[in-house]
C-alpha atoms as a PDB file:
ATOM      1  CA  MET A   1      24.705   6.570  20.623  1.00  0.00           C
ATOM      2  CA  ALA A   2      21.656   8.739  21.356  1.00  0.00           C
ATOM      3  CA  LYS A   3      18.772   7.475  23.448  1.00  0.00           C
ATOM      4  CA  LEU A   4      15.113   7.878  22.584  1.00  0.00           C
ATOM      5  CA  TYR A   5      12.443   7.737  25.258  1.00  0.00           C
ATOM      6  CA  ILE A   6       8.813   7.197  24.306  1.00  0.00           C
ATOM      7  CA  ARG A   7       5.713   6.275  26.236  1.00  0.00           C
ATOM      8  CA  ILE A   8       3.728   3.258  25.070  1.00  0.00           C
ATOM      9  CA  ASP A   9       0.886   1.198  26.502  1.00  0.00           C
ATOM     10  CA  ASP A  10       1.876  -1.636  28.775  1.00  0.00           C
ATOM     11  CA  SER A  11       0.216  -4.159  26.468  1.00  0.00           C
ATOM     12  CA  LEU A  12       2.240  -2.896  23.498  1.00  0.00           C
ATOM     13  CA  TYR A  13       5.438  -3.125  25.519  1.00  0.00           C
ATOM     14  CA  GLU A  14       4.608  -6.700  26.508  1.00  0.00           C
ATOM     15  CA  ARG A  15       3.946  -7.676  22.878  1.00  0.00           C
ATOM     16  CA  LEU A  16       7.211  -6.076  21.758  1.00  0.00           C
ATOM     17  CA  GLU A  17       9.048  -7.798  24.577  1.00  0.00           C
ATOM     18  CA  GLN A  18       7.630 -11.194  23.584  1.00  0.00           C
ATOM     19  CA  ARG A  19       8.418 -10.664  19.931  1.00  0.00           C
ATOM     20  CA  ALA A  20      11.968  -9.542  20.707  1.00  0.00           C
ATOM     21  CA  LEU A  21      12.460 -12.504  23.029  1.00  0.00           C
ATOM     22  CA  GLY A  22      11.197 -14.884  20.345  1.00  0.00           C
ATOM     23  CA  ALA A  23      13.645 -13.406  17.839  1.00  0.00           C
ATOM     24  CA  GLY A  24      16.549 -13.407  20.299  1.00  0.00           C
ATOM     25  CA  LEU A  25      16.781  -9.587  20.173  1.00  0.00           C
ATOM     26  CA  SER A  26      16.536  -6.701  22.555  1.00  0.00           C
ATOM     27  CA  ILE A  27      13.509  -4.433  22.106  1.00  0.00           C
ATOM     28  CA  SER A  28      15.900  -1.742  20.832  1.00  0.00           C
ATOM     29  CA  ASP A  29      17.297  -4.095  18.191  1.00  0.00           C
ATOM     30  CA  LEU A  30      13.773  -5.101  17.210  1.00  0.00           C
ATOM     31  CA  VAL A  31      12.447  -1.559  16.645  1.00  0.00           C
ATOM     32  CA  ARG A  32      15.633   0.129  15.378  1.00  0.00           C
ATOM     33  CA  PRO A  33      15.104  -1.016  11.729  1.00  0.00           C
ATOM     34  CA  LEU A  34      11.561   0.391  11.816  1.00  0.00           C
ATOM     35  CA  LEU A  35      12.871   3.759  12.985  1.00  0.00           C
ATOM     36  CA  GLU A  36      15.571   3.694  10.322  1.00  0.00           C
ATOM     37  CA  ASP A  37      12.936   3.060   7.635  1.00  0.00           C
ATOM     38  CA  ALA A  38      10.790   5.892   8.992  1.00  0.00           C
ATOM     39  CA  ALA A  39      13.740   8.307   8.851  1.00  0.00           C
ATOM     40  CA  ALA A  40      15.101   7.181   5.465  1.00  0.00           C
ATOM     41  CA  GLN A  41      16.110  10.063   3.205  1.00  0.00           C
ATOM     42  CA  GLY A  42      13.451  10.508   0.535  1.00  0.00           C
ATOM     43  CA  GLY A  43      11.509   7.560   1.894  1.00  0.00           C
ATOM     44  CA  THR A  44       7.754   7.801   1.717  1.00  0.00           C
ATOM     45  CA  TYR A  45       6.721   4.300   2.700  1.00  0.00           C
ATOM     46  CA  ILE A  46       6.468   2.662   6.091  1.00  0.00           C
ATOM     47  CA  TYR A  47       5.016  -0.834   6.408  1.00  0.00           C
ATOM     48  CA  THR A  48       1.699  -0.952   8.250  1.00  0.00           C
ATOM     49  CA  ALA A  49      -0.835  -3.619   9.114  1.00  0.00           C
ATOM     50  CA  HIS A  50      -2.988  -2.190   6.317  1.00  0.00           C
ATOM     51  CA  ASP A  51      -0.449  -3.535   3.833  1.00  0.00           C
ATOM     52  CA  GLU A  52      -1.647  -7.074   4.472  1.00  0.00           C
ATOM     53  CA  ILE A  53      -5.218  -6.038   3.661  1.00  0.00           C
ATOM     54  CA  LEU A  54      -4.025  -4.187   0.574  1.00  0.00           C
ATOM     55  CA  ALA A  55      -2.076  -7.230  -0.616  1.00  0.00           C
ATOM     56  CA  LEU A  56      -5.185  -9.387  -0.242  1.00  0.00           C
ATOM     57  CA  LEU A  57      -7.300  -6.876  -2.164  1.00  0.00           C
ATOM     58  CA  ILE A  58      -4.738  -6.777  -4.972  1.00  0.00           C
ATOM     59  CA  GLU A  59      -4.854 -10.560  -5.208  1.00  0.00           C
ATOM     60  CA  VAL A  60      -8.665 -10.524  -5.326  1.00  0.00           C
ATOM     61  CA  TYR A  61      -8.569  -7.814  -8.010  1.00  0.00           C
ATOM     62  CA  ALA A  62      -6.114  -9.889 -10.062  1.00  0.00           C
ATOM     63  CA  LEU A  63      -8.411 -12.922  -9.899  1.00  0.00           C
ATOM     64  CA  ILE A  64     -11.490 -10.918 -10.873  1.00  0.00           C
ATOM     65  CA  ALA A  65      -9.654  -9.080 -13.654  1.00  0.00           C
ATOM     66  CA  THR A  66      -8.333 -12.331 -15.075  1.00  0.00           C
ATOM     67  CA  GLY A  67     -11.833 -13.776 -15.102  1.00  0.00           C
ATOM     68  CA  MET A  68     -13.291 -10.681 -16.768  1.00  0.00           C
ATOM     69  CA  ALA A  69     -10.568 -10.104 -19.363  1.00  0.00           C
ATOM     70  CA  ASP A  70     -11.965 -12.489 -21.976  1.00  0.00           C
ATOM     71  CA  ARG A  71     -15.672 -12.103 -21.282  1.00  0.00           C
ATOM     72  CA  TYR A  72     -15.999  -8.375 -20.527  1.00  0.00           C
ATOM     73  CA  PRO A  73     -12.863  -6.557 -21.754  1.00  0.00           C
ATOM     74  CA  GLU A  74     -14.579  -3.181 -22.087  1.00  0.00           C
ATOM     75  CA  THR A  75     -15.973  -3.310 -18.535  1.00  0.00           C
ATOM     76  CA  LEU A  76     -12.559  -4.326 -17.223  1.00  0.00           C
ATOM     77  CA  ARG A  77     -10.842  -1.490 -19.114  1.00  0.00           C
ATOM     78  CA  ARG A  78     -13.291   1.133 -17.849  1.00  0.00           C
ATOM     79  CA  GLY A  79     -13.218  -0.188 -14.283  1.00  0.00           C
ATOM     80  CA  THR A  80      -9.429  -0.227 -14.261  1.00  0.00           C
ATOM     81  CA  ALA A  81      -9.315   3.332 -15.572  1.00  0.00           C
ATOM     82  CA  HIS A  82     -11.781   4.460 -12.908  1.00  0.00           C
ATOM     83  CA  GLY A  83      -9.731   2.760 -10.192  1.00  0.00           C
ATOM     84  CA  GLN A  84      -6.582   4.476 -11.446  1.00  0.00           C
ATOM     85  CA  ASP A  85      -8.370   7.823 -11.372  1.00  0.00           C
ATOM     86  CA  MET A  86      -9.359   7.244  -7.736  1.00  0.00           C
ATOM     87  CA  LEU A  87      -5.772   6.304  -6.812  1.00  0.00           C
ATOM     88  CA  ARG A  88      -4.429   9.417  -8.561  1.00  0.00           C
ATOM     89  CA  HIS A  89      -6.967  11.605  -6.762  1.00  0.00           C
ATOM     90  CA  ARG A  90      -5.675  10.274  -3.431  1.00  0.00           C
ATOM     91  CA  GLY A  91      -2.034  10.765  -4.453  1.00  0.00           C
ATOM     92  CA  LEU A  92      -1.372   7.022  -4.605  1.00  0.00           C
ATOM     93  CA  LEU A  93      -0.606   6.915  -8.329  1.00  0.00           C
ATOM     94  CA  ALA A  94       1.435   9.412 -10.314  1.00  0.00           C
ATOM     95  CA  ALA A  95      -0.636  12.002 -12.153  1.00  0.00           C
ATOM     96  CA  VAL A  96      -0.513  12.012 -15.942  1.00  0.00           C
ATOM     97  CA  ALA A  97      -2.495  13.811 -18.640  1.00  0.00           C
ATOM     98  CA  ALA A  98      -5.856  15.504 -17.948  1.00  0.00           C
ATOM     99  CA  PRO A  99      -8.516  13.094 -16.676  1.00  0.00           C
ATOM    100  CA  GLN A 100     -11.171  11.630 -18.931  1.00  0.00           C
ATOM    101  CA  ASP A 101     -14.605  10.409 -17.957  1.00  0.00           C
ATOM    102  CA  TYR A 102     -14.233   6.662 -17.412  1.00  0.00           C
ATOM    103  CA  ARG A 103     -17.846   6.173 -18.523  1.00  0.00           C
ATOM    104  CA  SER A 104     -17.176   7.614 -21.958  1.00  0.00           C
ATOM    105  CA  GLY A 105     -15.231   4.602 -23.162  1.00  0.00           C
ATOM    106  CA  ASN A 106     -12.415   6.876 -24.380  1.00  0.00           C
ATOM    107  CA  VAL A 107      -9.879   5.751 -21.801  1.00  0.00           C
ATOM    108  CA  GLU A 108      -6.900   3.474 -22.353  1.00  0.00           C
ATOM    109  CA  ALA A 109      -6.141   1.483 -19.205  1.00  0.00           C
ATOM    110  CA  GLY A 110      -2.726   0.528 -20.570  1.00  0.00           C
ATOM    111  CA  GLU A 111      -1.777   4.207 -20.647  1.00  0.00           C
ATOM    112  CA  GLY A 112      -2.689   4.970 -17.070  1.00  0.00           C
ATOM    113  CA  GLY A 113      -6.403   5.271 -17.676  1.00  0.00           C
ATOM    114  CA  ARG A 114      -6.160   8.794 -19.031  1.00  0.00           C
END
């Protein structure tokens, strides 16, 4: 088996050591699955601490959208379409047909906002 040597801050090493100890693992056994995920063929996703923030934001969006759906369906539809456009622009949502101006009201959120 190959060996990998990396330099990390002492504080990071101590945190990894404590976490591994708590899980009854060596540090190598603790981080090996993370390295395997990072090297996965065709993989594009690696879990980060930002995922927890993203999950919270998605939950907040779901609550707001649910509250708006009956009272302001047009605003919800346009806002959703605009959000999808922003995600597409950043490469976080698959591109579809040519973009439309979300302010025009001619956007179908159920069809990807375009």
